[in-house]
Amino acid sequence: MQKATIQTEPLTCPSCVQKIENATKSLDGVDKESVKVLFNSSKVKFDFDPAKVSLEDVVKAITALGYEVVKSQAKD
């Protein structure tokens, strides 16, 4: 498992957090228990299995909702 952080454009409401959380959790390979969307800092933190899903796949899922990703980073 790798840890990742994705910085999005500023989130404006709690439903934004819920939408991003649900989209991230729905991806096979993302540890659903680890997903945390931080409203105040507009960050998405999660663990994922790079053999099943890429960081780019998660970024695509978030941008498909209409949110801009400012920066993404994964580390072992």
PDB file of N, CA and C in Angstrom:
ATOM      1  N   MET A   1       0.838  -1.189   0.000  1.00  0.00           N
ATOM      2  CA  MET A   1       0.000   0.000   0.000  1.00  0.00           C
ATOM      3  C   MET A   1       0.879   1.247   0.000  1.00  0.00           C
ATOM      4  N   GLN A   2       0.424   2.243  -0.743  1.00  0.00           N
ATOM      5  CA  GLN A   2       1.079   3.541  -0.753  1.00  0.00           C
ATOM      6  C   GLN A   2       0.127   4.566  -0.158  1.00  0.00           C
ATOM      7  N   LYS A   3       0.695   5.594   0.428  1.00  0.00           N
ATOM      8  CA  LYS A   3      -0.095   6.712   0.952  1.00  0.00           C
ATOM      9  C   LYS A   3      -0.092   7.816  -0.092  1.00  0.00           C
ATOM     10  N   ALA A   4      -1.220   8.506  -0.206  1.00  0.00           N
ATOM     11  CA  ALA A   4      -1.309   9.590  -1.185  1.00  0.00           C
ATOM     12  C   ALA A   4      -2.049  10.777  -0.596  1.00  0.00           C
ATOM     13  N   THR A   5      -1.700  11.937  -1.119  1.00  0.00           N
ATOM     14  CA  THR A   5      -2.392  13.177  -0.784  1.00  0.00           C
ATOM     15  C   THR A   5      -2.673  13.908  -2.093  1.00  0.00           C
ATOM     16  N   ILE A   6      -3.906  14.335  -2.238  1.00  0.00           N
ATOM     17  CA  ILE A   6      -4.315  15.120  -3.405  1.00  0.00           C
ATOM     18  C   ILE A   6      -4.835  16.461  -2.898  1.00  0.00           C
ATOM     19  N   GLN A   7      -4.285  17.528  -3.431  1.00  0.00           N
ATOM     20  CA  GLN A   7      -4.728  18.886  -3.097  1.00  0.00           C
ATOM     21  C   GLN A   7      -5.701  19.328  -4.175  1.00  0.00           C
ATOM     22  N   THR A   8      -6.909  19.720  -3.770  1.00  0.00           N
ATOM     23  CA  THR A   8      -7.909  20.185  -4.734  1.00  0.00           C
ATOM     24  C   THR A   8      -8.066  21.695  -4.624  1.00  0.00           C
ATOM     25  N   GLU A   9      -8.843  22.241  -5.553  1.00  0.00           N
ATOM     26  CA  GLU A   9      -9.237  23.638  -5.425  1.00  0.00           C
ATOM     27  C   GLU A   9      -9.992  23.765  -4.097  1.00  0.00           C
ATOM     28  N   PRO A  10     -10.139  24.963  -3.560  1.00  0.00           N
ATOM     29  CA  PRO A  10     -10.857  25.100  -2.289  1.00  0.00           C
ATOM     30  C   PRO A  10     -12.271  24.505  -2.361  1.00  0.00           C
ATOM     31  N   LEU A  11     -12.591  23.699  -1.360  1.00  0.00           N
ATOM     32  CA  LEU A  11     -13.922  23.095  -1.283  1.00  0.00           C
ATOM     33  C   LEU A  11     -14.867  24.102  -0.644  1.00  0.00           C
ATOM     34  N   THR A  12     -16.089  24.148  -1.155  1.00  0.00           N
ATOM     35  CA  THR A  12     -17.004  25.193  -0.711  1.00  0.00           C
ATOM     36  C   THR A  12     -18.132  24.717   0.198  1.00  0.00           C
ATOM     37  N   CYS A  13     -18.352  23.396   0.278  1.00  0.00           N
ATOM     38  CA  CYS A  13     -19.460  22.920   1.106  1.00  0.00           C
ATOM     39  C   CYS A  13     -19.243  21.468   1.530  1.00  0.00           C
ATOM     40  N   PRO A  14     -19.953  21.035   2.562  1.00  0.00           N
ATOM     41  CA  PRO A  14     -19.823  19.650   3.020  1.00  0.00           C
ATOM     42  C   PRO A  14     -20.213  18.615   1.954  1.00  0.00           C
ATOM     43  N   SER A  15     -21.107  18.967   1.049  1.00  0.00           N
ATOM     44  CA  SER A  15     -21.473  17.989   0.013  1.00  0.00           C
ATOM     45  C   SER A  15     -20.314  17.750  -0.954  1.00  0.00           C
ATOM     46  N   CYS A  16     -19.439  18.736  -1.118  1.00  0.00           N
ATOM     47  CA  CYS A  16     -18.226  18.550  -1.932  1.00  0.00           C
ATOM     48  C   CYS A  16     -17.365  17.457  -1.313  1.00  0.00           C
ATOM     49  N   VAL A  17     -17.207  17.522  -0.012  1.00  0.00           N
ATOM     50  CA  VAL A  17     -16.423  16.530   0.714  1.00  0.00           C
ATOM     51  C   VAL A  17     -17.020  15.142   0.503  1.00  0.00           C
ATOM     52  N   GLN A  18     -18.329  15.040   0.644  1.00  0.00           N
ATOM     53  CA  GLN A  18     -19.020  13.754   0.507  1.00  0.00           C
ATOM     54  C   GLN A  18     -18.871  13.183  -0.905  1.00  0.00           C
ATOM     55  N   LYS A  19     -19.020  14.021  -1.916  1.00  0.00           N
ATOM     56  CA  LYS A  19     -18.891  13.558  -3.305  1.00  0.00           C
ATOM     57  C   LYS A  19     -17.491  13.015  -3.585  1.00  0.00           C
ATOM     58  N   ILE A  20     -16.478  13.760  -3.158  1.00  0.00           N
ATOM     59  CA  ILE A  20     -15.093  13.332  -3.391  1.00  0.00           C
ATOM     60  C   ILE A  20     -14.790  12.057  -2.607  1.00  0.00           C
ATOM     61  N   GLU A  21     -15.275  12.003  -1.374  1.00  0.00           N
ATOM     62  CA  GLU A  21     -15.056  10.812  -0.541  1.00  0.00           C
ATOM     63  C   GLU A  21     -15.684   9.581  -1.200  1.00  0.00           C
ATOM     64  N   ASN A  22     -16.906   9.699  -1.645  1.00  0.00           N
ATOM     65  CA  ASN A  22     -17.591   8.566  -2.274  1.00  0.00           C
ATOM     66  C   ASN A  22     -16.904   8.125  -3.566  1.00  0.00           C
ATOM     67  N   ALA A  23     -16.476   9.079  -4.380  1.00  0.00           N
ATOM     68  CA  ALA A  23     -15.807   8.744  -5.645  1.00  0.00           C
ATOM     69  C   ALA A  23     -14.482   8.035  -5.387  1.00  0.00           C
ATOM     70  N   THR A  24     -13.754   8.492  -4.387  1.00  0.00           N
ATOM     71  CA  THR A  24     -12.460   7.886  -4.064  1.00  0.00           C
ATOM     72  C   THR A  24     -12.651   6.479  -3.503  1.00  0.00           C
ATOM     73  N   LYS A  25     -13.611   6.330  -2.591  1.00  0.00           N
ATOM     74  CA  LYS A  25     -13.875   5.023  -1.988  1.00  0.00           C
ATOM     75  C   LYS A  25     -14.398   4.005  -3.001  1.00  0.00           C
ATOM     76  N   SER A  26     -15.010   4.465  -4.063  1.00  0.00           N
ATOM     77  CA  SER A  26     -15.613   3.545  -5.038  1.00  0.00           C
ATOM     78  C   SER A  26     -14.571   2.856  -5.928  1.00  0.00           C
ATOM     79  N   LEU A  27     -13.342   3.341  -5.919  1.00  0.00           N
ATOM     80  CA  LEU A  27     -12.309   2.777  -6.790  1.00  0.00           C
ATOM     81  C   LEU A  27     -11.699   1.519  -6.175  1.00  0.00           C
ATOM     82  N   ASP A  28     -11.643   0.464  -6.984  1.00  0.00           N
ATOM     83  CA  ASP A  28     -11.019  -0.776  -6.541  1.00  0.00           C
ATOM     84  C   ASP A  28      -9.525  -0.534  -6.346  1.00  0.00           C
ATOM     85  N   GLY A  29      -9.025  -0.888  -5.183  1.00  0.00           N
ATOM     86  CA  GLY A  29      -7.609  -0.674  -4.892  1.00  0.00           C
ATOM     87  C   GLY A  29      -7.372   0.426  -3.881  1.00  0.00           C
ATOM     88  N   VAL A  30      -8.396   1.237  -3.620  1.00  0.00           N
ATOM     89  CA  VAL A  30      -8.293   2.277  -2.598  1.00  0.00           C
ATOM     90  C   VAL A  30      -8.785   1.689  -1.277  1.00  0.00           C
ATOM     91  N   ASP A  31      -7.993   1.851  -0.219  1.00  0.00           N
ATOM     92  CA  ASP A  31      -8.400   1.387   1.111  1.00  0.00           C
ATOM     93  C   ASP A  31      -9.498   2.327   1.617  1.00  0.00           C
ATOM     94  N   LYS A  32     -10.732   1.823   1.594  1.00  0.00           N
ATOM     95  CA  LYS A  32     -11.893   2.656   1.921  1.00  0.00           C
ATOM     96  C   LYS A  32     -11.843   3.238   3.329  1.00  0.00           C
ATOM     97  N   GLU A  33     -11.248   2.494   4.267  1.00  0.00           N
ATOM     98  CA  GLU A  33     -11.155   2.968   5.654  1.00  0.00           C
ATOM     99  C   GLU A  33     -10.174   4.125   5.805  1.00  0.00           C
ATOM    100  N   SER A  34      -9.258   4.255   4.872  1.00  0.00           N
ATOM    101  CA  SER A  34      -8.209   5.278   5.000  1.00  0.00           C
ATOM    102  C   SER A  34      -8.590   6.616   4.375  1.00  0.00           C
ATOM    103  N   VAL A  35      -9.676   6.660   3.605  1.00  0.00           N
ATOM    104  CA  VAL A  35     -10.030   7.887   2.874  1.00  0.00           C
ATOM    105  C   VAL A  35     -10.501   8.984   3.822  1.00  0.00           C
ATOM    106  N   LYS A  36      -9.817  10.118   3.743  1.00  0.00           N
ATOM    107  CA  LYS A  36     -10.197  11.287   4.536  1.00  0.00           C
ATOM    108  C   LYS A  36     -10.142  12.511   3.641  1.00  0.00           C
ATOM    109  N   VAL A  37     -11.249  13.236   3.573  1.00  0.00           N
ATOM    110  CA  VAL A  37     -11.287  14.484   2.821  1.00  0.00           C
ATOM    111  C   VAL A  37     -11.352  15.608   3.851  1.00  0.00           C
ATOM    112  N   LEU A  38     -10.331  16.447   3.837  1.00  0.00           N
ATOM    113  CA  LEU A  38     -10.217  17.519   4.813  1.00  0.00           C
ATOM    114  C   LEU A  38     -10.761  18.815   4.221  1.00  0.00           C
ATOM    115  N   PHE A  39     -11.905  19.237   4.725  1.00  0.00           N
ATOM    116  CA  PHE A  39     -12.610  20.399   4.180  1.00  0.00           C
ATOM    117  C   PHE A  39     -11.763  21.675   4.269  1.00  0.00           C
ATOM    118  N   ASN A  40     -11.199  21.956   5.439  1.00  0.00           N
ATOM    119  CA  ASN A  40     -10.484  23.221   5.648  1.00  0.00           C
ATOM    120  C   ASN A  40      -9.248  23.367   4.786  1.00  0.00           C
ATOM    121  N   SER A  41      -8.547  22.254   4.534  1.00  0.00           N
ATOM    122  CA  SER A  41      -7.314  22.332   3.743  1.00  0.00           C
ATOM    123  C   SER A  41      -7.511  21.847   2.312  1.00  0.00           C
ATOM    124  N   SER A  42      -8.709  21.365   1.988  1.00  0.00           N
ATOM    125  CA  SER A  42      -9.028  20.864   0.641  1.00  0.00           C
ATOM    126  C   SER A  42      -8.065  19.759   0.203  1.00  0.00           C
ATOM    127  N   LYS A  43      -7.788  18.842   1.130  1.00  0.00           N
ATOM    128  CA  LYS A  43      -6.901  17.725   0.828  1.00  0.00           C
ATOM    129  C   LYS A  43      -7.653  16.405   0.934  1.00  0.00           C
ATOM    130  N   VAL A  44      -7.263  15.482   0.063  1.00  0.00           N
ATOM    131  CA  VAL A  44      -7.796  14.128   0.087  1.00  0.00           C
ATOM    132  C   VAL A  44      -6.625  13.222   0.434  1.00  0.00           C
ATOM    133  N   LYS A  45      -6.759  12.473   1.527  1.00  0.00           N
ATOM    134  CA  LYS A  45      -5.689  11.564   1.954  1.00  0.00           C
ATOM    135  C   LYS A  45      -6.241  10.142   1.944  1.00  0.00           C
ATOM    136  N   PHE A  46      -5.426   9.212   1.449  1.00  0.00           N
ATOM    137  CA  PHE A  46      -5.871   7.819   1.365  1.00  0.00           C
ATOM    138  C   PHE A  46      -4.689   6.900   1.108  1.00  0.00           C
ATOM    139  N   ASP A  47      -4.912   5.609   1.340  1.00  0.00           N
ATOM    140  CA  ASP A  47      -3.940   4.576   1.007  1.00  0.00           C
ATOM    141  C   ASP A  47      -4.485   3.817  -0.196  1.00  0.00           C
ATOM    142  N   PHE A  48      -3.582   3.371  -1.068  1.00  0.00           N
ATOM    143  CA  PHE A  48      -4.025   2.631  -2.243  1.00  0.00           C
ATOM    144  C   PHE A  48      -3.007   1.575  -2.646  1.00  0.00           C
ATOM    145  N   ASP A  49      -3.489   0.580  -3.376  1.00  0.00           N
ATOM    146  CA  ASP A  49      -2.648  -0.490  -3.896  1.00  0.00           C
ATOM    147  C   ASP A  49      -2.317  -0.149  -5.348  1.00  0.00           C
ATOM    148  N   PRO A  50      -1.069   0.238  -5.636  1.00  0.00           N
ATOM    149  CA  PRO A  50      -0.716   0.654  -6.998  1.00  0.00           C
ATOM    150  C   PRO A  50      -0.811  -0.477  -8.028  1.00  0.00           C
ATOM    151  N   ALA A  51      -0.938  -1.715  -7.577  1.00  0.00           N
ATOM    152  CA  ALA A  51      -1.124  -2.827  -8.501  1.00  0.00           C
ATOM    153  C   ALA A  51      -2.566  -2.869  -9.026  1.00  0.00           C
ATOM    154  N   LYS A  52      -3.478  -2.196  -8.304  1.00  0.00           N
ATOM    155  CA  LYS A  52      -4.893  -2.208  -8.688  1.00  0.00           C
ATOM    156  C   LYS A  52      -5.393  -0.875  -9.224  1.00  0.00           C
ATOM    157  N   VAL A  53      -4.855   0.217  -8.713  1.00  0.00           N
ATOM    158  CA  VAL A  53      -5.326   1.549  -9.107  1.00  0.00           C
ATOM    159  C   VAL A  53      -4.140   2.515  -9.053  1.00  0.00           C
ATOM    160  N   SER A  54      -4.118   3.447  -9.975  1.00  0.00           N
ATOM    161  CA  SER A  54      -3.035   4.431  -9.977  1.00  0.00           C
ATOM    162  C   SER A  54      -3.507   5.739  -9.349  1.00  0.00           C
ATOM    163  N   LEU A  55      -2.555   6.541  -8.954  1.00  0.00           N
ATOM    164  CA  LEU A  55      -2.874   7.868  -8.423  1.00  0.00           C
ATOM    165  C   LEU A  55      -3.601   8.674  -9.494  1.00  0.00           C
ATOM    166  N   GLU A  56      -3.189   8.494 -10.742  1.00  0.00           N
ATOM    167  CA  GLU A  56      -3.841   9.194 -11.859  1.00  0.00           C
ATOM    168  C   GLU A  56      -5.322   8.795 -11.978  1.00  0.00           C
ATOM    169  N   ASP A  57      -5.650   7.537 -11.698  1.00  0.00           N
ATOM    170  CA  ASP A  57      -7.052   7.093 -11.731  1.00  0.00           C
ATOM    171  C   ASP A  57      -7.888   7.831 -10.693  1.00  0.00           C
ATOM    172  N   VAL A  58      -7.318   8.034  -9.516  1.00  0.00           N
ATOM    173  CA  VAL A  58      -8.028   8.749  -8.455  1.00  0.00           C
ATOM    174  C   VAL A  58      -8.201  10.215  -8.844  1.00  0.00           C
ATOM    175  N   VAL A  59      -7.154  10.809  -9.387  1.00  0.00           N
ATOM    176  CA  VAL A  59      -7.230  12.201  -9.850  1.00  0.00           C
ATOM    177  C   VAL A  59      -8.331  12.329 -10.906  1.00  0.00           C
ATOM    178  N   LYS A  60      -8.393  11.396 -11.833  1.00  0.00           N
ATOM    179  CA  LYS A  60      -9.431  11.429 -12.888  1.00  0.00           C
ATOM    180  C   LYS A  60     -10.825  11.334 -12.291  1.00  0.00           C
ATOM    181  N   ALA A  61     -10.995  10.499 -11.273  1.00  0.00           N
ATOM    182  CA  ALA A  61     -12.307  10.354 -10.630  1.00  0.00           C
ATOM    183  C   ALA A  61     -12.742  11.665  -9.977  1.00  0.00           C
ATOM    184  N   ILE A  62     -11.791  12.371  -9.388  1.00  0.00           N
ATOM    185  CA  ILE A  62     -12.111  13.650  -8.739  1.00  0.00           C
ATOM    186  C   ILE A  62     -12.385  14.736  -9.775  1.00  0.00           C
ATOM    187  N   THR A  63     -11.568  14.799 -10.822  1.00  0.00           N
ATOM    188  CA  THR A  63     -11.795  15.820 -11.856  1.00  0.00           C
ATOM    189  C   THR A  63     -13.078  15.549 -12.638  1.00  0.00           C
ATOM    190  N   ALA A  64     -13.479  14.290 -12.741  1.00  0.00           N
ATOM    191  CA  ALA A  64     -14.735  13.958 -13.425  1.00  0.00           C
ATOM    192  C   ALA A  64     -15.940  14.539 -12.682  1.00  0.00           C
ATOM    193  N   LEU A  65     -15.780  14.801 -11.403  1.00  0.00           N
ATOM    194  CA  LEU A  65     -16.852  15.416 -10.609  1.00  0.00           C
ATOM    195  C   LEU A  65     -16.901  16.929 -10.814  1.00  0.00           C
ATOM    196  N   GLY A  66     -15.868  17.472 -11.457  1.00  0.00           N
ATOM    197  CA  GLY A  66     -15.833  18.911 -11.698  1.00  0.00           C
ATOM    198  C   GLY A  66     -14.902  19.677 -10.783  1.00  0.00           C
ATOM    199  N   TYR A  67     -14.100  18.963  -9.996  1.00  0.00           N
ATOM    200  CA  TYR A  67     -13.156  19.624  -9.089  1.00  0.00           C
ATOM    201  C   TYR A  67     -11.776  19.656  -9.724  1.00  0.00           C
ATOM    202  N   GLU A  68     -11.076  20.740  -9.525  1.00  0.00           N
ATOM    203  CA  GLU A  68      -9.730  20.879 -10.059  1.00  0.00           C
ATOM    204  C   GLU A  68      -8.715  20.326  -9.053  1.00  0.00           C
ATOM    205  N   VAL A  69      -7.811  19.497  -9.538  1.00  0.00           N
ATOM    206  CA  VAL A  69      -6.740  18.983  -8.696  1.00  0.00           C
ATOM    207  C   VAL A  69      -5.526  19.881  -8.892  1.00  0.00           C
ATOM    208  N   VAL A  70      -5.041  20.425  -7.798  1.00  0.00           N
ATOM    209  CA  VAL A  70      -3.918  21.343  -7.829  1.00  0.00           C
ATOM    210  C   VAL A  70      -2.593  20.574  -7.788  1.00  0.00           C
ATOM    211  N   LYS A  71      -2.537  19.529  -6.962  1.00  0.00           N
ATOM    212  CA  LYS A  71      -1.308  18.773  -6.797  1.00  0.00           C
ATOM    213  C   LYS A  71      -1.653  17.383  -6.266  1.00  0.00           C
ATOM    214  N   SER A  72      -0.881  16.374  -6.683  1.00  0.00           N
ATOM    215  CA  SER A  72      -1.051  15.029  -6.144  1.00  0.00           C
ATOM    216  C   SER A  72       0.317  14.438  -5.861  1.00  0.00           C
ATOM    217  N   GLN A  73       0.371  13.628  -4.812  1.00  0.00           N
ATOM    218  CA  GLN A  73       1.650  13.058  -4.388  1.00  0.00           C
ATOM    219  C   GLN A  73       1.409  11.717  -3.729  1.00  0.00           C
ATOM    220  N   ALA A  74       2.238  10.733  -4.085  1.00  0.00           N
ATOM    221  CA  ALA A  74       2.184   9.415  -3.450  1.00  0.00           C
ATOM    222  C   ALA A  74       3.542   9.096  -2.877  1.00  0.00           C
ATOM    223  N   LYS A  75       3.544   8.356  -1.775  1.00  0.00           N
ATOM    224  CA  LYS A  75       4.806   7.895  -1.193  1.00  0.00           C
ATOM    225  C   LYS A  75       4.609   6.515  -0.615  1.00  0.00           C
ATOM    226  N   ASP A  76       5.699   5.770  -0.572  1.00  0.00           N
ATOM    227  CA  ASP A  76       5.648   4.393  -0.031  1.00  0.00           C
ATOM    228  C   ASP A  76       5.483   4.400   1.469  1.00  0.00           C
TER     229      ASP A  76
END
